[in-house]
Amino acid sequence: RGMAMLLRGARVHAWLMGREALIPEDIHAVFHEIIAHRLTFNSMYEMRRTALARELTGNIVRMVAVP
């Protein structure tokens, strides 16, 4: 389900940018918003949830090679 939502969000982003085909930047643009709420943190980190999720998802996007 998560992957389907990620692709749907990326398609919408591509459409908003005036394109019919997806490019990696479309996935990057929506990755945090789609994935961040699915992350679970230890209760001691919940106060920093937003910053930690942004850092984690940003690192994932940077580390995964674009095909």
C-alpha atoms as a PDB file:
ATOM      1  CA  ARG A   1       0.000   0.000   0.000  1.00  0.00           C
ATOM      2  CA  GLY A   2       2.845   2.401   0.802  1.00  0.00           C
ATOM      3  CA  MET A   3       4.448   1.913  -2.604  1.00  0.00           C
ATOM      4  CA  ALA A   4       1.124   2.507  -4.359  1.00  0.00           C
ATOM      5  CA  MET A   5       0.661   5.779  -2.483  1.00  0.00           C
ATOM      6  CA  LEU A   6       4.228   6.823  -3.275  1.00  0.00           C
ATOM      7  CA  LEU A   7       3.671   6.226  -6.983  1.00  0.00           C
ATOM      8  CA  ARG A   8       0.304   7.976  -6.929  1.00  0.00           C
ATOM      9  CA  GLY A   9       1.827  11.006  -5.239  1.00  0.00           C
ATOM     10  CA  ALA A  10       4.724  11.041  -7.695  1.00  0.00           C
ATOM     11  CA  ARG A  11       2.312  10.872 -10.644  1.00  0.00           C
ATOM     12  CA  VAL A  12       0.390  13.846  -9.269  1.00  0.00           C
ATOM     13  CA  HIS A  13       3.635  15.761  -8.825  1.00  0.00           C
ATOM     14  CA  ALA A  14       4.662  14.992 -12.416  1.00  0.00           C
ATOM     15  CA  TRP A  15       1.240  16.121 -13.638  1.00  0.00           C
ATOM     16  CA  LEU A  16       1.500  19.363 -11.671  1.00  0.00           C
ATOM     17  CA  MET A  17       4.896  19.939 -13.285  1.00  0.00           C
ATOM     18  CA  GLY A  18       3.302  19.481 -16.732  1.00  0.00           C
ATOM     19  CA  ARG A  19       4.729  16.040 -17.468  1.00  0.00           C
ATOM     20  CA  GLU A  20       3.046  12.750 -18.296  1.00  0.00           C
ATOM     21  CA  ALA A  21       6.024  10.549 -17.436  1.00  0.00           C
ATOM     22  CA  LEU A  22       7.595  10.109 -14.001  1.00  0.00           C
ATOM     23  CA  ILE A  23      11.188  11.035 -13.323  1.00  0.00           C
ATOM     24  CA  PRO A  24      13.145  10.292 -10.132  1.00  0.00           C
ATOM     25  CA  GLU A  25      12.670  13.858  -8.897  1.00  0.00           C
ATOM     26  CA  ASP A  26       8.907  13.261  -8.726  1.00  0.00           C
ATOM     27  CA  ILE A  27       9.437  10.450  -6.241  1.00  0.00           C
ATOM     28  CA  HIS A  28      11.966  12.519  -4.299  1.00  0.00           C
ATOM     29  CA  ALA A  29       9.493  15.408  -4.110  1.00  0.00           C
ATOM     30  CA  VAL A  30       6.812  13.366  -2.335  1.00  0.00           C
ATOM     31  CA  PHE A  31       8.895  10.725  -0.539  1.00  0.00           C
ATOM     32  CA  HIS A  32       9.018  12.416   2.879  1.00  0.00           C
ATOM     33  CA  GLU A  33       5.325  13.287   3.010  1.00  0.00           C
ATOM     34  CA  ILE A  34       4.262   9.774   1.992  1.00  0.00           C
ATOM     35  CA  ILE A  35       6.725   7.803   4.126  1.00  0.00           C
ATOM     36  CA  ALA A  36       7.331   9.918   7.262  1.00  0.00           C
ATOM     37  CA  HIS A  37       4.018   9.174   8.959  1.00  0.00           C
ATOM     38  CA  ARG A  38       4.698   5.434   8.605  1.00  0.00           C
ATOM     39  CA  LEU A  39       7.873   5.632  10.689  1.00  0.00           C
ATOM     40  CA  THR A  40       7.797   4.556  14.309  1.00  0.00           C
ATOM     41  CA  PHE A  41      10.151   6.125  16.826  1.00  0.00           C
ATOM     42  CA  ASN A  42      11.039   5.191  20.358  1.00  0.00           C
ATOM     43  CA  SER A  43       9.018   7.367  22.757  1.00  0.00           C
ATOM     44  CA  MET A  44      12.136   9.265  23.859  1.00  0.00           C
ATOM     45  CA  TYR A  45      12.503  10.573  20.278  1.00  0.00           C
ATOM     46  CA  GLU A  46       8.866  11.549  19.653  1.00  0.00           C
ATOM     47  CA  MET A  47       9.468  15.190  20.555  1.00  0.00           C
ATOM     48  CA  ARG A  48      11.981  15.388  17.679  1.00  0.00           C
ATOM     49  CA  ARG A  49       9.910  13.226  15.332  1.00  0.00           C
ATOM     50  CA  THR A  50       9.557  15.744  12.502  1.00  0.00           C
ATOM     51  CA  ALA A  51      13.254  16.639  12.347  1.00  0.00           C
ATOM     52  CA  LEU A  52      14.381  13.026  12.665  1.00  0.00           C
ATOM     53  CA  ALA A  53      11.937  11.799  10.016  1.00  0.00           C
ATOM     54  CA  ARG A  54      13.039  14.569   7.623  1.00  0.00           C
ATOM     55  CA  GLU A  55      16.702  13.681   8.173  1.00  0.00           C
ATOM     56  CA  LEU A  56      16.091   9.945   7.764  1.00  0.00           C
ATOM     57  CA  THR A  57      14.005  10.229   4.606  1.00  0.00           C
ATOM     58  CA  GLY A  58      16.473  12.750   3.160  1.00  0.00           C
ATOM     59  CA  ASN A  59      19.326  10.319   3.761  1.00  0.00           C
ATOM     60  CA  ILE A  60      17.372   7.504   2.126  1.00  0.00           C
ATOM     61  CA  VAL A  61      16.738   9.596  -0.988  1.00  0.00           C
ATOM     62  CA  ARG A  62      20.421  10.583  -1.178  1.00  0.00           C
ATOM     63  CA  MET A  63      21.726   7.045  -0.653  1.00  0.00           C
ATOM     64  CA  VAL A  64      19.497   5.144  -3.082  1.00  0.00           C
ATOM     65  CA  ALA A  65      20.924   5.215  -6.587  1.00  0.00           C
ATOM     66  CA  VAL A  66      18.708   6.469  -9.366  1.00  0.00           C
ATOM     67  CA  PRO A  67      18.410   3.800 -12.080  1.00  0.00           C
END
